[in-house]
Amino acid sequence: MPVGKPKTKTATMTLRVEPRIKAAAEKAAEKDHRSLTNWVEALILKHCEQLGIETTLPSKNGDGL
């Protein structure tokens, strides 16, 4: 039986940005020692938290993830 964090499903999010925006995001991610994907996820979660937006999805029994 695997030990550690259970594997979670992921969803694909595709977006287009100007090359200068992508380059800046890559530099910011590198400075934070994160992948670009992880940096974007962290940025979204932080912003949602600041706005009071819930980021957990209800499970089948009504609990958060």
N, C-alpha and C. Protein backbone atom coordinates (compact mmCIF):
# COMPACT_ATOMS: atom_id res chain seq x y z
N MET A 1 0.85 -1.18 0.00
CA MET A 1 0.00 0.00 0.00
C MET A 1 0.90 1.24 0.00
N PRO A 2 0.62 2.24 -0.86
CA PRO A 2 1.46 3.44 -0.92
C PRO A 2 1.39 4.24 0.38
N VAL A 3 2.50 4.84 0.71
CA VAL A 3 2.60 5.66 1.91
C VAL A 3 2.74 7.11 1.48
N GLY A 4 2.14 8.03 2.23
CA GLY A 4 2.27 9.44 1.93
C GLY A 4 0.96 10.05 1.48
N LYS A 5 1.08 11.20 0.86
CA LYS A 5 -0.08 11.96 0.41
C LYS A 5 -0.81 11.22 -0.71
N PRO A 6 -2.14 11.07 -0.61
CA PRO A 6 -2.88 10.41 -1.68
C PRO A 6 -2.85 11.23 -2.96
N LYS A 7 -2.82 10.55 -4.08
CA LYS A 7 -2.78 11.22 -5.37
C LYS A 7 -4.13 11.89 -5.64
N THR A 8 -4.10 13.14 -6.06
CA THR A 8 -5.33 13.86 -6.36
C THR A 8 -5.46 14.03 -7.86
N LYS A 9 -6.67 14.11 -8.32
CA LYS A 9 -6.90 14.35 -9.75
C LYS A 9 -6.60 15.80 -10.06
N THR A 10 -6.20 16.06 -11.28
CA THR A 10 -5.91 17.42 -11.70
C THR A 10 -6.80 17.79 -12.89
N ALA A 11 -6.94 19.07 -13.11
CA ALA A 11 -7.69 19.59 -14.25
C ALA A 11 -6.74 20.45 -15.07
N THR A 12 -6.94 20.46 -16.36
CA THR A 12 -6.11 21.27 -17.25
C THR A 12 -6.70 22.65 -17.39
N MET A 13 -5.83 23.65 -17.34
CA MET A 13 -6.24 25.04 -17.52
C MET A 13 -5.30 25.63 -18.57
N THR A 14 -5.83 26.01 -19.71
CA THR A 14 -5.03 26.56 -20.79
C THR A 14 -5.34 28.04 -20.93
N LEU A 15 -4.30 28.86 -21.01
CA LEU A 15 -4.52 30.28 -21.20
C LEU A 15 -3.40 30.87 -22.05
N ARG A 16 -3.69 31.97 -22.68
CA ARG A 16 -2.71 32.66 -23.52
C ARG A 16 -2.38 34.00 -22.86
N VAL A 17 -1.08 34.28 -22.79
CA VAL A 17 -0.62 35.56 -22.24
C VAL A 17 0.48 36.10 -23.15
N GLU A 18 0.74 37.37 -23.01
CA GLU A 18 1.84 37.98 -23.77
C GLU A 18 3.15 37.34 -23.33
N PRO A 19 4.11 37.23 -24.25
CA PRO A 19 5.40 36.65 -23.90
C PRO A 19 6.07 37.33 -22.70
N ARG A 20 5.92 38.64 -22.56
CA ARG A 20 6.54 39.35 -21.43
C ARG A 20 5.91 38.94 -20.10
N ILE A 21 4.61 38.62 -20.11
CA ILE A 21 3.92 38.17 -18.90
C ILE A 21 4.42 36.78 -18.51
N LYS A 22 4.54 35.90 -19.51
CA LYS A 22 5.03 34.55 -19.24
C LYS A 22 6.46 34.60 -18.71
N ALA A 23 7.30 35.41 -19.32
CA ALA A 23 8.69 35.52 -18.88
C ALA A 23 8.77 36.03 -17.44
N ALA A 24 7.95 37.02 -17.11
CA ALA A 24 7.94 37.56 -15.74
C ALA A 24 7.45 36.50 -14.76
N ALA A 25 6.43 35.74 -15.13
CA ALA A 25 5.91 34.69 -14.26
C ALA A 25 6.95 33.60 -14.04
N GLU A 26 7.67 33.24 -15.09
CA GLU A 26 8.72 32.23 -14.96
C GLU A 26 9.83 32.70 -14.02
N LYS A 27 10.20 33.97 -14.13
CA LYS A 27 11.22 34.52 -13.23
C LYS A 27 10.73 34.54 -11.78
N ALA A 28 9.47 34.92 -11.58
CA ALA A 28 8.90 34.95 -10.23
C ALA A 28 8.84 33.54 -9.64
N ALA A 29 8.44 32.58 -10.45
CA ALA A 29 8.37 31.19 -9.99
C ALA A 29 9.76 30.68 -9.61
N GLU A 30 10.73 31.00 -10.43
CA GLU A 30 12.11 30.58 -10.14
C GLU A 30 12.61 31.19 -8.83
N LYS A 31 12.31 32.47 -8.62
CA LYS A 31 12.71 33.14 -7.37
C LYS A 31 12.07 32.50 -6.15
N ASP A 32 10.85 31.99 -6.31
CA ASP A 32 10.13 31.32 -5.22
C ASP A 32 10.49 29.84 -5.12
N HIS A 33 11.40 29.38 -6.00
CA HIS A 33 11.80 27.96 -6.04
C HIS A 33 10.59 27.06 -6.27
N ARG A 34 9.76 27.48 -7.22
CA ARG A 34 8.55 26.72 -7.58
C ARG A 34 8.53 26.51 -9.08
N SER A 35 7.75 25.51 -9.50
CA SER A 35 7.48 25.36 -10.93
C SER A 35 6.49 26.47 -11.30
N LEU A 36 6.39 26.74 -12.57
CA LEU A 36 5.44 27.77 -13.01
C LEU A 36 4.01 27.37 -12.62
N THR A 37 3.68 26.11 -12.80
CA THR A 37 2.34 25.63 -12.43
C THR A 37 2.08 25.81 -10.95
N ASN A 38 3.03 25.41 -10.12
CA ASN A 38 2.85 25.53 -8.67
C ASN A 38 2.77 26.99 -8.26
N TRP A 39 3.53 27.85 -8.90
CA TRP A 39 3.51 29.28 -8.59
C TRP A 39 2.13 29.87 -8.92
N VAL A 40 1.59 29.51 -10.07
CA VAL A 40 0.26 30.01 -10.46
C VAL A 40 -0.80 29.50 -9.49
N GLU A 41 -0.72 28.22 -9.11
CA GLU A 41 -1.67 27.68 -8.14
C GLU A 41 -1.61 28.45 -6.82
N ALA A 42 -0.40 28.68 -6.32
CA ALA A 42 -0.23 29.40 -5.06
C ALA A 42 -0.79 30.81 -5.17
N LEU A 43 -0.55 31.46 -6.30
CA LEU A 43 -1.04 32.82 -6.52
C LEU A 43 -2.57 32.86 -6.51
N ILE A 44 -3.18 31.91 -7.18
CA ILE A 44 -4.64 31.84 -7.23
C ILE A 44 -5.22 31.58 -5.84
N LEU A 45 -4.64 30.60 -5.13
CA LEU A 45 -5.14 30.28 -3.78
C LEU A 45 -5.00 31.46 -2.84
N LYS A 46 -3.88 32.16 -2.89
CA LYS A 46 -3.66 33.33 -2.03
C LYS A 46 -4.69 34.42 -2.34
N HIS A 47 -4.93 34.67 -3.60
CA HIS A 47 -5.88 35.71 -3.98
C HIS A 47 -7.30 35.32 -3.55
N CYS A 48 -7.66 34.06 -3.76
CA CYS A 48 -8.99 33.61 -3.33
C CYS A 48 -9.15 33.74 -1.82
N GLU A 49 -8.10 33.41 -1.08
CA GLU A 49 -8.15 33.54 0.37
C GLU A 49 -8.38 35.00 0.76
N GLN A 50 -7.69 35.92 0.10
CA GLN A 50 -7.85 37.35 0.40
C GLN A 50 -9.27 37.83 0.09
N LEU A 51 -9.91 37.22 -0.90
CA LEU A 51 -11.27 37.61 -1.27
C LEU A 51 -12.34 36.83 -0.50
N GLY A 52 -11.90 35.89 0.34
CA GLY A 52 -12.85 35.09 1.10
C GLY A 52 -13.55 34.03 0.27
N ILE A 53 -12.89 33.58 -0.80
CA ILE A 53 -13.47 32.56 -1.68
C ILE A 53 -13.02 31.19 -1.20
N GLU A 54 -13.97 30.30 -0.97
CA GLU A 54 -13.68 28.94 -0.54
C GLU A 54 -13.01 28.18 -1.67
N THR A 55 -11.94 27.46 -1.36
CA THR A 55 -11.20 26.74 -2.41
C THR A 55 -11.28 25.23 -2.26
N THR A 56 -12.06 24.73 -1.32
CA THR A 56 -12.25 23.29 -1.20
C THR A 56 -13.55 22.91 -1.89
N LEU A 57 -13.57 21.73 -2.45
CA LEU A 57 -14.78 21.24 -3.10
C LEU A 57 -15.48 20.27 -2.15
N PRO A 58 -16.79 20.30 -2.12
CA PRO A 58 -17.50 19.36 -1.25
C PRO A 58 -17.31 17.93 -1.76
N SER A 59 -17.13 16.99 -0.84
CA SER A 59 -17.04 15.59 -1.22
C SER A 59 -18.45 15.00 -1.27
N LYS A 60 -18.55 13.75 -1.63
CA LYS A 60 -19.86 13.10 -1.75
C LYS A 60 -20.63 13.10 -0.43
N ASN A 61 -19.89 13.06 0.71
CA ASN A 61 -20.59 13.05 2.00
C ASN A 61 -20.73 14.44 2.60
N GLY A 62 -20.38 15.48 1.83
CA GLY A 62 -20.57 16.84 2.29
C GLY A 62 -19.39 17.46 2.98
N ASP A 63 -18.31 16.69 3.24
CA ASP A 63 -17.12 17.23 3.87
C ASP A 63 -16.26 17.93 2.84
N GLY A 64 -15.36 18.82 3.28
CA GLY A 64 -14.39 19.41 2.38
C GLY A 64 -13.33 18.39 2.02
N LEU A 65 -12.52 18.72 1.06
CA LEU A 65 -11.45 17.79 0.63
C LEU A 65 -10.38 17.65 1.66
